[in-house]
Amino acid sequence: MRLAATLLVQLVFALIFAAANAADIKVDKVANSELFTVRVTGMFQKGDGEKFEKAVAPLPDLFVVVLLNGNGGDLDSALAIGTEIRRRGFSTAVQAGVICASACAFAWLAGDTRYMEPSSKIGFHAAYIEAGRLPLEKGQPNALVGAYLYQLGISADAIKYFTRASPTDIQWLSLRDSMILGINVTIPSEIASAP
């Protein structure tokens, strides 16, 4: 029974990846303010790191919130986006009721300030490579994730937490877990209503 459930989850992941397009990246200025939002929606694909960097190049380093919404995708692109977010001092947010999982969640962690609502779904699992249609946990992508998280100042306990779930499972971050792990999270009502 467990094998059948695992195979079903793997099939769903394969179908999602096969049908996915590159992430949509949209920059908006919030009316009557200095704030910019950058919406990153969808599965990360190869090249999305460069696409993100070009989209945000003209923005100021302050007053930028990156709103993330997606089920993961290309790990290299997610880490590149996260690295640019951290380099520029941007904040990150997952709005109420929105899912940001897998590679998306690693990009969210890069925020100078991380926003989430109690109903935000931010999920993590170990990095993997695709062996045929099956996700296979491997050392190299997890080493890259560990190095990236370490550069963000994430503790060893939190790194273990974020990579504990298998590639066919997910560890959903709760507000309680974020406090225990020392992951600073802010819950602002204004982000939930941002345009």
C-alpha atoms as a PDB file:
ATOM      1  CA  MET A   1       0.000   0.000   0.000  1.00  0.00           C
ATOM      2  CA  ARG A   2       2.793   2.451   0.914  1.00  0.00           C
ATOM      3  CA  LEU A   3       4.638   1.596  -2.324  1.00  0.00           C
ATOM      4  CA  ALA A   4       1.494   2.331  -4.347  1.00  0.00           C
ATOM      5  CA  ALA A   5       1.060   5.690  -2.571  1.00  0.00           C
ATOM      6  CA  THR A   6       4.720   6.565  -3.190  1.00  0.00           C
ATOM      7  CA  LEU A   7       4.415   5.685  -6.872  1.00  0.00           C
ATOM      8  CA  LEU A   8       1.258   7.804  -7.143  1.00  0.00           C
ATOM      9  CA  VAL A   9       3.028  10.821  -5.596  1.00  0.00           C
ATOM     10  CA  GLN A  10       5.954  10.322  -7.981  1.00  0.00           C
ATOM     11  CA  LEU A  11       3.596  10.149 -10.951  1.00  0.00           C
ATOM     12  CA  VAL A  12       1.888  13.384  -9.888  1.00  0.00           C
ATOM     13  CA  PHE A  13       5.301  15.112  -9.554  1.00  0.00           C
ATOM     14  CA  ALA A  14       6.304  13.828 -13.001  1.00  0.00           C
ATOM     15  CA  LEU A  15       3.089  15.122 -14.581  1.00  0.00           C
ATOM     16  CA  ILE A  16       3.489  18.511 -12.910  1.00  0.00           C
ATOM     17  CA  PHE A  17       7.087  18.820 -14.104  1.00  0.00           C
ATOM     18  CA  ALA A  18       6.219  17.695 -17.642  1.00  0.00           C
ATOM     19  CA  ALA A  19       3.427  20.264 -18.008  1.00  0.00           C
ATOM     20  CA  ALA A  20       5.215  23.169 -16.343  1.00  0.00           C
ATOM     21  CA  ASN A  21       6.277  26.372 -18.035  1.00  0.00           C
ATOM     22  CA  ALA A  22       8.933  28.733 -16.769  1.00  0.00           C
ATOM     23  CA  ALA A  23       8.036  30.809 -13.740  1.00  0.00           C
ATOM     24  CA  ASP A  24       6.172  34.046 -14.436  1.00  0.00           C
ATOM     25  CA  ILE A  25       8.026  37.051 -13.003  1.00  0.00           C
ATOM     26  CA  LYS A  26       6.124  40.332 -12.776  1.00  0.00           C
ATOM     27  CA  VAL A  27       7.308  43.603 -11.207  1.00  0.00           C
ATOM     28  CA  ASP A  28       4.769  46.159  -9.926  1.00  0.00           C
ATOM     29  CA  LYS A  29       5.044  49.430  -8.020  1.00  0.00           C
ATOM     30  CA  VAL A  30       2.531  49.743  -5.210  1.00  0.00           C
ATOM     31  CA  ALA A  31       0.494  52.917  -5.755  1.00  0.00           C
ATOM     32  CA  ASN A  32       1.272  55.881  -3.506  1.00  0.00           C
ATOM     33  CA  SER A  33       4.305  54.208  -1.933  1.00  0.00           C
ATOM     34  CA  GLU A  34       7.971  53.445  -2.424  1.00  0.00           C
ATOM     35  CA  LEU A  35       7.237  49.709  -2.346  1.00  0.00           C
ATOM     36  CA  PHE A  36       7.747  47.371  -5.297  1.00  0.00           C
ATOM     37  CA  THR A  37       6.439  43.825  -5.478  1.00  0.00           C
ATOM     38  CA  VAL A  38       7.966  41.105  -7.605  1.00  0.00           C
ATOM     39  CA  ARG A  39       5.567  38.202  -8.175  1.00  0.00           C
ATOM     40  CA  VAL A  40       7.260  34.897  -8.961  1.00  0.00           C
ATOM     41  CA  THR A  41       4.582  32.391  -9.874  1.00  0.00           C
ATOM     42  CA  GLY A  42       4.890  28.835 -11.176  1.00  0.00           C
ATOM     43  CA  MET A  43       7.536  26.158 -11.483  1.00  0.00           C
ATOM     44  CA  PHE A  44      11.163  27.267 -11.709  1.00  0.00           C
ATOM     45  CA  GLN A  45      12.828  26.222 -14.961  1.00  0.00           C
ATOM     46  CA  LYS A  46      16.408  26.496 -16.215  1.00  0.00           C
ATOM     47  CA  GLY A  47      17.188  30.140 -16.929  1.00  0.00           C
ATOM     48  CA  ASP A  48      14.723  31.591 -14.411  1.00  0.00           C
ATOM     49  CA  GLY A  49      17.590  32.813 -12.226  1.00  0.00           C
ATOM     50  CA  GLU A  50      18.863  35.033 -15.050  1.00  0.00           C
ATOM     51  CA  LYS A  51      15.286  36.068 -15.918  1.00  0.00           C
ATOM     52  CA  PHE A  52      14.720  37.151 -12.289  1.00  0.00           C
ATOM     53  CA  GLU A  53      18.009  39.055 -12.144  1.00  0.00           C
ATOM     54  CA  LYS A  54      17.120  41.030 -15.303  1.00  0.00           C
ATOM     55  CA  ALA A  55      13.605  41.783 -14.030  1.00  0.00           C
ATOM     56  CA  VAL A  56      14.840  43.222 -10.713  1.00  0.00           C
ATOM     57  CA  ALA A  57      17.977  44.971 -12.011  1.00  0.00           C
ATOM     58  CA  PRO A  58      16.365  48.458 -12.175  1.00  0.00           C
ATOM     59  CA  LEU A  59      14.752  48.200  -8.726  1.00  0.00           C
ATOM     60  CA  PRO A  60      16.133  49.852  -5.591  1.00  0.00           C
ATOM     61  CA  ASP A  61      17.649  47.562  -2.969  1.00  0.00           C
ATOM     62  CA  LEU A  62      15.118  48.721  -0.368  1.00  0.00           C
ATOM     63  CA  PHE A  63      11.343  48.476  -0.410  1.00  0.00           C
ATOM     64  CA  VAL A  64      11.096  45.334  -2.542  1.00  0.00           C
ATOM     65  CA  VAL A  65       9.006  42.320  -1.531  1.00  0.00           C
ATOM     66  CA  VAL A  66       9.253  39.144  -3.605  1.00  0.00           C
ATOM     67  CA  LEU A  67       5.891  37.322  -3.510  1.00  0.00           C
ATOM     68  CA  LEU A  68       6.461  33.613  -4.144  1.00  0.00           C
ATOM     69  CA  ASN A  69       3.892  31.088  -5.331  1.00  0.00           C
ATOM     70  CA  GLY A  70       4.898  27.742  -6.795  1.00  0.00           C
ATOM     71  CA  ASN A  71       5.492  24.038  -6.371  1.00  0.00           C
ATOM     72  CA  GLY A  72       9.249  24.044  -6.915  1.00  0.00           C
ATOM     73  CA  GLY A  73      11.118  23.140 -10.055  1.00  0.00           C
ATOM     74  CA  ASP A  74      14.734  23.689 -11.042  1.00  0.00           C
ATOM     75  CA  LEU A  75      16.885  23.866  -7.910  1.00  0.00           C
ATOM     76  CA  ASP A  76      19.735  25.828  -9.535  1.00  0.00           C
ATOM     77  CA  SER A  77      17.309  28.561 -10.618  1.00  0.00           C
ATOM     78  CA  ALA A  78      15.743  28.719  -7.154  1.00  0.00           C
ATOM     79  CA  LEU A  79      19.137  29.053  -5.481  1.00  0.00           C
ATOM     80  CA  ALA A  80      20.168  31.732  -8.004  1.00  0.00           C
ATOM     81  CA  ILE A  81      16.952  33.666  -7.301  1.00  0.00           C
ATOM     82  CA  GLY A  82      17.505  33.272  -3.556  1.00  0.00           C
ATOM     83  CA  THR A  83      21.106  34.435  -3.859  1.00  0.00           C
ATOM     84  CA  GLU A  84      19.980  37.572  -5.728  1.00  0.00           C
ATOM     85  CA  ILE A  85      17.235  38.196  -3.155  1.00  0.00           C
ATOM     86  CA  ARG A  86      19.790  38.040  -0.343  1.00  0.00           C
ATOM     87  CA  ARG A  87      22.407  40.091  -2.212  1.00  0.00           C
ATOM     88  CA  ARG A  88      19.896  42.875  -2.831  1.00  0.00           C
ATOM     89  CA  GLY A  89      18.343  42.767   0.659  1.00  0.00           C
ATOM     90  CA  PHE A  90      14.854  42.052  -0.672  1.00  0.00           C
ATOM     91  CA  SER A  91      12.101  40.709   1.555  1.00  0.00           C
ATOM     92  CA  THR A  92      10.151  37.576   0.655  1.00  0.00           C
ATOM     93  CA  ALA A  93       6.516  36.671   1.256  1.00  0.00           C
ATOM     94  CA  VAL A  94       4.105  33.797   0.835  1.00  0.00           C
ATOM     95  CA  GLN A  95       0.600  35.205   1.034  1.00  0.00           C
ATOM     96  CA  ALA A  96      -2.353  33.687   2.876  1.00  0.00           C
ATOM     97  CA  GLY A  97      -3.530  30.407   1.363  1.00  0.00           C
ATOM     98  CA  VAL A  98      -0.655  30.296  -1.150  1.00  0.00           C
ATOM     99  CA  ILE A  99       1.707  27.331  -1.643  1.00  0.00           C
ATOM    100  CA  CYS A 100       5.465  27.785  -1.973  1.00  0.00           C
ATOM    101  CA  ALA A 101       7.073  24.363  -1.846  1.00  0.00           C
ATOM    102  CA  SER A 102      10.307  22.597  -2.698  1.00  0.00           C
ATOM    103  CA  ALA A 103      12.697  24.882  -4.627  1.00  0.00           C
ATOM    104  CA  CYS A 104      10.322  27.835  -4.127  1.00  0.00           C
ATOM    105  CA  ALA A 105      10.638  27.495  -0.348  1.00  0.00           C
ATOM    106  CA  PHE A 106      14.438  27.660  -0.556  1.00  0.00           C
ATOM    107  CA  ALA A 107      14.143  30.959  -2.463  1.00  0.00           C
ATOM    108  CA  TRP A 108      11.728  32.262   0.218  1.00  0.00           C
ATOM    109  CA  LEU A 109      14.300  31.586   2.949  1.00  0.00           C
ATOM    110  CA  ALA A 110      16.658  34.154   1.370  1.00  0.00           C
ATOM    111  CA  GLY A 111      14.462  37.109   2.312  1.00  0.00           C
ATOM    112  CA  ASP A 112      16.013  39.785   4.481  1.00  0.00           C
ATOM    113  CA  THR A 113      12.588  39.783   6.113  1.00  0.00           C
ATOM    114  CA  ARG A 114      10.443  36.674   5.584  1.00  0.00           C
ATOM    115  CA  TYR A 115       6.689  37.184   5.570  1.00  0.00           C
ATOM    116  CA  MET A 116       4.121  34.435   5.938  1.00  0.00           C
ATOM    117  CA  GLU A 117       0.560  34.095   7.152  1.00  0.00           C
ATOM    118  CA  PRO A 118      -0.711  31.274   9.386  1.00  0.00           C
ATOM    119  CA  SER A 119      -2.421  29.796   6.290  1.00  0.00           C
ATOM    120  CA  SER A 120       0.669  30.084   4.042  1.00  0.00           C
ATOM    121  CA  LYS A 121       1.932  26.670   2.910  1.00  0.00           C
ATOM    122  CA  ILE A 122       5.750  26.669   2.803  1.00  0.00           C
ATOM    123  CA  GLY A 123       7.112  23.179   2.284  1.00  0.00           C
ATOM    124  CA  PHE A 124      10.551  21.601   2.156  1.00  0.00           C
ATOM    125  CA  HIS A 125      12.109  18.268   1.220  1.00  0.00           C
ATOM    126  CA  ALA A 126      15.514  16.861   0.352  1.00  0.00           C
ATOM    127  CA  ALA A 127      16.946  17.794  -3.035  1.00  0.00           C
ATOM    128  CA  TYR A 128      17.023  15.128  -5.708  1.00  0.00           C
ATOM    129  CA  ILE A 129      17.823  14.303  -9.296  1.00  0.00           C
ATOM    130  CA  GLU A 130      15.431  12.594 -11.662  1.00  0.00           C
ATOM    131  CA  ALA A 131      16.350   8.984 -12.424  1.00  0.00           C
ATOM    132  CA  GLY A 132      14.009   8.286 -15.281  1.00  0.00           C
ATOM    133  CA  ARG A 133      10.674   9.431 -13.897  1.00  0.00           C
ATOM    134  CA  LEU A 134      11.579   8.785 -10.258  1.00  0.00           C
ATOM    135  CA  PRO A 135      13.118  11.355  -7.889  1.00  0.00           C
ATOM    136  CA  LEU A 136      16.378  10.041  -6.438  1.00  0.00           C
ATOM    137  CA  GLU A 137      17.894  11.742  -3.391  1.00  0.00           C
ATOM    138  CA  LYS A 138      21.571  12.492  -4.065  1.00  0.00           C
ATOM    139  CA  GLY A 139      24.449  14.047  -2.173  1.00  0.00           C
ATOM    140  CA  GLN A 140      25.500  16.746  -4.645  1.00  0.00           C
ATOM    141  CA  PRO A 141      22.226  18.730  -4.820  1.00  0.00           C
ATOM    142  CA  ASN A 142      21.792  18.402  -1.046  1.00  0.00           C
ATOM    143  CA  ALA A 143      25.355  19.635  -0.525  1.00  0.00           C
ATOM    144  CA  LEU A 144      24.487  22.700  -2.641  1.00  0.00           C
ATOM    145  CA  VAL A 145      21.347  23.288  -0.578  1.00  0.00           C
ATOM    146  CA  GLY A 146      23.319  22.941   2.665  1.00  0.00           C
ATOM    147  CA  ALA A 147      25.995  25.394   1.492  1.00  0.00           C
ATOM    148  CA  TYR A 148      23.332  27.874   0.327  1.00  0.00           C
ATOM    149  CA  LEU A 149      21.425  27.675   3.625  1.00  0.00           C
ATOM    150  CA  TYR A 150      24.658  28.033   5.597  1.00  0.00           C
ATOM    151  CA  GLN A 151      25.457  31.232   3.610  1.00  0.00           C
ATOM    152  CA  LEU A 152      22.005  32.530   4.558  1.00  0.00           C
ATOM    153  CA  GLY A 153      22.916  32.036   8.226  1.00  0.00           C
ATOM    154  CA  ILE A 154      20.533  29.109   8.730  1.00  0.00           C
ATOM    155  CA  SER A 155      21.430  26.884  11.701  1.00  0.00           C
ATOM    156  CA  ALA A 156      22.497  23.256  11.352  1.00  0.00           C
ATOM    157  CA  ASP A 157      19.286  22.122  13.077  1.00  0.00           C
ATOM    158  CA  ALA A 158      17.180  24.113  10.615  1.00  0.00           C
ATOM    159  CA  ILE A 159      19.158  22.745   7.641  1.00  0.00           C
ATOM    160  CA  LYS A 160      18.410  19.218   8.884  1.00  0.00           C
ATOM    161  CA  TYR A 161      14.722  20.129   9.256  1.00  0.00           C
ATOM    162  CA  PHE A 162      14.513  21.565   5.727  1.00  0.00           C
ATOM    163  CA  THR A 163      16.117  18.514   4.128  1.00  0.00           C
ATOM    164  CA  ARG A 164      14.629  15.776   6.340  1.00  0.00           C
ATOM    165  CA  ALA A 165      11.600  14.869   4.206  1.00  0.00           C
ATOM    166  CA  SER A 166      12.223  12.546   1.278  1.00  0.00           C
ATOM    167  CA  PRO A 167      11.780  13.866  -2.295  1.00  0.00           C
ATOM    168  CA  THR A 168       8.314  12.263  -2.399  1.00  0.00           C
ATOM    169  CA  ASP A 169       7.215  13.854   0.876  1.00  0.00           C
ATOM    170  CA  ILE A 170       7.021  17.395   2.216  1.00  0.00           C
ATOM    171  CA  GLN A 171       7.787  19.095   5.545  1.00  0.00           C
ATOM    172  CA  TRP A 172       5.368  22.032   5.954  1.00  0.00           C
ATOM    173  CA  LEU A 173       6.841  24.887   7.976  1.00  0.00           C
ATOM    174  CA  SER A 174       4.638  25.995  10.844  1.00  0.00           C
ATOM    175  CA  LEU A 175       4.984  29.264  12.731  1.00  0.00           C
ATOM    176  CA  ARG A 176       5.829  27.222  15.836  1.00  0.00           C
ATOM    177  CA  ASP A 177       8.598  25.316  14.024  1.00  0.00           C
ATOM    178  CA  SER A 178      10.011  28.566  12.629  1.00  0.00           C
ATOM    179  CA  MET A 179      10.322  29.924  16.192  1.00  0.00           C
ATOM    180  CA  ILE A 180      11.930  26.727  17.496  1.00  0.00           C
ATOM    181  CA  LEU A 181      14.430  26.700  14.603  1.00  0.00           C
ATOM    182  CA  GLY A 182      15.278  30.396  14.899  1.00  0.00           C
ATOM    183  CA  ILE A 183      13.843  31.243  11.466  1.00  0.00           C
ATOM    184  CA  ASN A 184      12.637  34.832  11.821  1.00  0.00           C
ATOM    185  CA  VAL A 185       9.184  35.224  10.269  1.00  0.00           C
ATOM    186  CA  THR A 186       6.895  38.252  10.198  1.00  0.00           C
ATOM    187  CA  ILE A 187       3.106  38.069   9.852  1.00  0.00           C
ATOM    188  CA  PRO A 188       1.929  41.345   8.309  1.00  0.00           C
ATOM    189  CA  SER A 189      -1.679  41.981   7.337  1.00  0.00           C
ATOM    190  CA  GLU A 190      -0.557  44.459   4.660  1.00  0.00           C
ATOM    191  CA  ILE A 191       1.284  41.748   2.684  1.00  0.00           C
ATOM    192  CA  ALA A 192      -1.862  39.620   2.521  1.00  0.00           C
ATOM    193  CA  SER A 193      -3.659  42.507   0.816  1.00  0.00           C
ATOM    194  CA  ALA A 194      -0.822  43.655  -1.460  1.00  0.00           C
ATOM    195  CA  PRO A 195      -1.915  44.058  -5.096  1.00  0.00           C
END
